[in-house]
Amino acid sequence: MPASAAHHPIDASELAAIYRRKRRFWPDGTAIEPVNLGAADIRRRHFSRVVTGLLPEAMEDYWDEQYFQGILPPRVLASPEAVLRFVTDTRGAIGYVPLCSADRRVAVIAVVTDTVTATETPNTAACRH
C-alpha cells in the first residue's frame, strides 16, 4: 500500500482473503484494490502458492464462479515497477514485489517467504543497493 496510507501488519489469512476478494474493504471503508503479476511470473506463482495454497491456473474455476457473482479477480500488471506505481497512485491498492524492490513509495505490511510474516520493519539487510 502507499507509504502515506495508514497501515498495519497483515497476516496470512487476511492476505488470502484479500487476494480471493473475500475481504474487499480496508477498516476505513476504502475499497481494497489488489494487483497481481502475470500468471506465468515466478514471483506470482510463489506468492499464489504460499498465500492461497494454489497456483494461478488452479484458481481459474474459482474466478469463473466469482465472475458470475459480480466479483472480478485482482488486476494483472506487467512488472514489479508497474505494481509499485499502481500501489503508489491508487487509493486502497495492495500488491507484492521482491522485498529489495520495495522503496519509500510503499509500506511493507507482510513478507512472503515460504510463509507469510506480518511486519512493520522488514529486514532488507540482504539487499544490495
C-alpha atoms as a PDB file:
ATOM      1  CA  MET A   1       0.000   0.000   0.000  1.00  0.00           C
ATOM      2  CA  PRO A   2       1.183   3.566  -0.434  1.00  0.00           C
ATOM      3  CA  ALA A   3       3.619   4.650   2.248  1.00  0.00           C
ATOM      4  CA  SER A   4       1.343   7.611   3.047  1.00  0.00           C
ATOM      5  CA  ALA A   5      -1.643   5.379   3.886  1.00  0.00           C
ATOM      6  CA  ALA A   6      -2.420   4.307   7.417  1.00  0.00           C
ATOM      7  CA  HIS A   7      -1.454   0.671   7.607  1.00  0.00           C
ATOM      8  CA  HIS A   8      -0.960  -2.251   9.922  1.00  0.00           C
ATOM      9  CA  PRO A   9       0.839  -5.559   9.539  1.00  0.00           C
ATOM     10  CA  ILE A  10      -1.286  -8.156   7.790  1.00  0.00           C
ATOM     11  CA  ASP A  11      -1.362 -11.884   8.487  1.00  0.00           C
ATOM     12  CA  ALA A  12      -1.612 -14.810   6.083  1.00  0.00           C
ATOM     13  CA  SER A  13      -5.365 -15.363   6.412  1.00  0.00           C
ATOM     14  CA  GLU A  14      -6.113 -11.686   5.848  1.00  0.00           C
ATOM     15  CA  LEU A  15      -3.837 -11.600   2.797  1.00  0.00           C
ATOM     16  CA  ALA A  16      -5.500 -14.721   1.380  1.00  0.00           C
ATOM     17  CA  ALA A  17      -8.954 -13.181   1.902  1.00  0.00           C
ATOM     18  CA  ILE A  18      -7.865 -10.034   0.063  1.00  0.00           C
ATOM     19  CA  TYR A  19      -6.441 -11.936  -2.907  1.00  0.00           C
ATOM     20  CA  ARG A  20      -9.524 -14.171  -3.122  1.00  0.00           C
ATOM     21  CA  ARG A  21     -11.624 -10.983  -2.940  1.00  0.00           C
ATOM     22  CA  LYS A  22     -13.378 -12.235   0.194  1.00  0.00           C
ATOM     23  CA  ARG A  23     -12.219  -9.113   2.020  1.00  0.00           C
ATOM     24  CA  ARG A  24     -12.968  -6.100  -0.141  1.00  0.00           C
ATOM     25  CA  PHE A  25     -12.608  -3.056   2.151  1.00  0.00           C
ATOM     26  CA  TRP A  26      -9.934  -1.661   4.461  1.00  0.00           C
ATOM     27  CA  PRO A  27     -11.014  -0.775   8.020  1.00  0.00           C
ATOM     28  CA  ASP A  28     -11.573   2.866   6.969  1.00  0.00           C
ATOM     29  CA  GLY A  29     -14.068   1.782   4.272  1.00  0.00           C
ATOM     30  CA  THR A  30     -11.711   2.236   1.308  1.00  0.00           C
ATOM     31  CA  ALA A  31     -12.101  -0.430  -1.375  1.00  0.00           C
ATOM     32  CA  ILE A  32      -9.139  -2.799  -1.498  1.00  0.00           C
ATOM     33  CA  GLU A  33      -7.518  -2.920  -4.951  1.00  0.00           C
ATOM     34  CA  PRO A  34      -5.248  -5.984  -5.049  1.00  0.00           C
ATOM     35  CA  VAL A  35      -2.898  -6.419  -8.007  1.00  0.00           C
ATOM     36  CA  ASN A  36      -1.017  -9.440  -9.297  1.00  0.00           C
ATOM     37  CA  LEU A  37       1.905 -10.023 -11.586  1.00  0.00           C
ATOM     38  CA  GLY A  38       1.250 -12.187 -14.676  1.00  0.00           C
ATOM     39  CA  ALA A  39       0.221 -15.819 -14.099  1.00  0.00           C
ATOM     40  CA  ALA A  40       3.466 -17.184 -15.590  1.00  0.00           C
ATOM     41  CA  ASP A  41       5.687 -14.891 -13.490  1.00  0.00           C
ATOM     42  CA  ILE A  42       7.677 -16.962 -10.979  1.00  0.00           C
ATOM     43  CA  ARG A  43       7.026 -14.357  -8.262  1.00  0.00           C
ATOM     44  CA  ARG A  44       3.252 -14.615  -8.834  1.00  0.00           C
ATOM     45  CA  ARG A  45       3.377 -18.384  -8.772  1.00  0.00           C
ATOM     46  CA  HIS A  46       5.286 -18.370  -5.468  1.00  0.00           C
ATOM     47  CA  PHE A  47       3.006 -15.722  -3.937  1.00  0.00           C
ATOM     48  CA  SER A  48      -0.150 -17.566  -5.018  1.00  0.00           C
ATOM     49  CA  ARG A  49       1.105 -20.919  -3.742  1.00  0.00           C
ATOM     50  CA  VAL A  50       2.094 -19.539  -0.339  1.00  0.00           C
ATOM     51  CA  VAL A  51      -0.852 -17.160   0.158  1.00  0.00           C
ATOM     52  CA  THR A  52      -3.795 -19.043  -1.366  1.00  0.00           C
ATOM     53  CA  GLY A  53      -2.362 -22.546  -1.439  1.00  0.00           C
ATOM     54  CA  LEU A  54      -2.997 -22.747  -5.185  1.00  0.00           C
ATOM     55  CA  LEU A  55      -1.154 -21.869  -8.377  1.00  0.00           C
ATOM     56  CA  PRO A  56      -2.793 -19.261 -10.645  1.00  0.00           C
ATOM     57  CA  GLU A  57      -4.154 -21.818 -13.131  1.00  0.00           C
ATOM     58  CA  ALA A  58      -5.831 -23.718 -10.289  1.00  0.00           C
ATOM     59  CA  MET A  59      -7.771 -20.545  -9.430  1.00  0.00           C
ATOM     60  CA  GLU A  60      -9.449 -20.299 -12.869  1.00  0.00           C
ATOM     61  CA  ASP A  61     -12.614 -22.181 -11.827  1.00  0.00           C
ATOM     62  CA  TYR A  62     -12.805 -20.098  -8.657  1.00  0.00           C
ATOM     63  CA  TRP A  63     -12.651 -16.859 -10.652  1.00  0.00           C
ATOM     64  CA  ASP A  64     -15.198 -18.128 -13.178  1.00  0.00           C
ATOM     65  CA  GLU A  65     -17.608 -18.688 -10.287  1.00  0.00           C
ATOM     66  CA  GLN A  66     -16.816 -15.317  -8.708  1.00  0.00           C
ATOM     67  CA  TYR A  67     -17.313 -13.539 -12.042  1.00  0.00           C
ATOM     68  CA  PHE A  68     -20.953 -14.709 -12.140  1.00  0.00           C
ATOM     69  CA  GLN A  69     -21.388 -13.147  -8.706  1.00  0.00           C
ATOM     70  CA  GLY A  70     -20.012  -9.842  -9.997  1.00  0.00           C
ATOM     71  CA  ILE A  71     -16.588 -10.197  -8.373  1.00  0.00           C
ATOM     72  CA  LEU A  72     -13.562  -9.716 -10.588  1.00  0.00           C
ATOM     73  CA  PRO A  73     -10.089 -11.120  -9.889  1.00  0.00           C
ATOM     74  CA  PRO A  74      -7.238  -8.795  -8.961  1.00  0.00           C
ATOM     75  CA  ARG A  75      -5.937  -6.841 -11.938  1.00  0.00           C
ATOM     76  CA  VAL A  76      -2.699  -8.064 -13.502  1.00  0.00           C
ATOM     77  CA  LEU A  77       0.303  -5.812 -14.071  1.00  0.00           C
ATOM     78  CA  ALA A  78       3.395  -6.494 -16.148  1.00  0.00           C
ATOM     79  CA  SER A  79       6.260  -5.834 -13.737  1.00  0.00           C
ATOM     80  CA  PRO A  80       7.226  -5.087 -10.151  1.00  0.00           C
ATOM     81  CA  GLU A  81       7.754  -1.437 -11.124  1.00  0.00           C
ATOM     82  CA  ALA A  82       4.218  -1.305 -12.547  1.00  0.00           C
ATOM     83  CA  VAL A  83       2.955  -2.732  -9.234  1.00  0.00           C
ATOM     84  CA  LEU A  84       4.885  -0.103  -7.264  1.00  0.00           C
ATOM     85  CA  ARG A  85       3.470   2.695  -9.423  1.00  0.00           C
ATOM     86  CA  PHE A  86      -0.092   1.363  -9.218  1.00  0.00           C
ATOM     87  CA  VAL A  87       0.075   0.936  -5.456  1.00  0.00           C
ATOM     88  CA  THR A  88       1.559   4.407  -5.049  1.00  0.00           C
ATOM     89  CA  ASP A  89      -1.088   6.062  -7.227  1.00  0.00           C
ATOM     90  CA  THR A  90      -4.221   4.067  -6.349  1.00  0.00           C
ATOM     91  CA  ARG A  91      -6.123   4.545  -3.113  1.00  0.00           C
ATOM     92  CA  GLY A  92      -6.613   1.208  -1.338  1.00  0.00           C
ATOM     93  CA  ALA A  93      -4.154  -0.683  -3.551  1.00  0.00           C
ATOM     94  CA  ILE A  94      -2.099  -3.619  -2.352  1.00  0.00           C
ATOM     95  CA  GLY A  95       0.467  -5.603  -4.318  1.00  0.00           C
ATOM     96  CA  TYR A  96       3.616  -7.638  -3.970  1.00  0.00           C
ATOM     97  CA  VAL A  97       7.131  -7.133  -5.274  1.00  0.00           C
ATOM     98  CA  PRO A  98      10.523  -8.567  -4.362  1.00  0.00           C
ATOM     99  CA  LEU A  99      11.404  -7.134  -0.935  1.00  0.00           C
ATOM    100  CA  CYS A 100      14.522  -5.454  -2.326  1.00  0.00           C
ATOM    101  CA  SER A 101      12.333  -3.621  -4.869  1.00  0.00           C
ATOM    102  CA  ALA A 102      10.082  -2.088  -2.215  1.00  0.00           C
ATOM    103  CA  ASP A 103      11.115   1.517  -1.720  1.00  0.00           C
ATOM    104  CA  ARG A 104       9.879   4.513   0.241  1.00  0.00           C
ATOM    105  CA  ARG A 105       6.856   4.918  -2.062  1.00  0.00           C
ATOM    106  CA  VAL A 106       5.176   1.935  -0.420  1.00  0.00           C
ATOM    107  CA  ALA A 107       4.673   0.435   3.026  1.00  0.00           C
ATOM    108  CA  VAL A 108       5.677  -3.197   3.520  1.00  0.00           C
ATOM    109  CA  ILE A 109       2.950  -4.832   5.600  1.00  0.00           C
ATOM    110  CA  ALA A 110       3.895  -8.505   5.136  1.00  0.00           C
ATOM    111  CA  VAL A 111       6.824 -10.549   3.897  1.00  0.00           C
ATOM    112  CA  VAL A 112       6.149 -13.739   1.931  1.00  0.00           C
ATOM    113  CA  THR A 113       8.875 -16.363   2.011  1.00  0.00           C
ATOM    114  CA  ASP A 114       7.718 -19.952   2.491  1.00  0.00           C
ATOM    115  CA  THR A 115       5.179 -18.436   4.894  1.00  0.00           C
ATOM    116  CA  VAL A 116       3.634 -15.002   5.408  1.00  0.00           C
ATOM    117  CA  THR A 117       5.080 -12.846   8.164  1.00  0.00           C
ATOM    118  CA  ALA A 118       3.263  -9.679   9.189  1.00  0.00           C
ATOM    119  CA  THR A 119       5.784  -6.893   9.595  1.00  0.00           C
ATOM    120  CA  GLU A 120       6.220  -3.220  10.227  1.00  0.00           C
ATOM    121  CA  THR A 121      10.006  -3.273   9.804  1.00  0.00           C
ATOM    122  CA  PRO A 122      11.156  -5.648   7.062  1.00  0.00           C
ATOM    123  CA  ASN A 123      14.734  -6.894   7.105  1.00  0.00           C
ATOM    124  CA  THR A 124      16.352  -5.703   3.893  1.00  0.00           C
ATOM    125  CA  ALA A 125      19.916  -6.343   5.044  1.00  0.00           C
ATOM    126  CA  ALA A 126      20.476  -8.908   2.264  1.00  0.00           C
ATOM    127  CA  CYS A 127      19.519  -6.399  -0.451  1.00  0.00           C
ATOM    128  CA  ARG A 128      22.314  -4.903  -2.471  1.00  0.00           C
ATOM    129  CA  HIS A 129      21.907  -1.194  -3.016  1.00  0.00           C
END
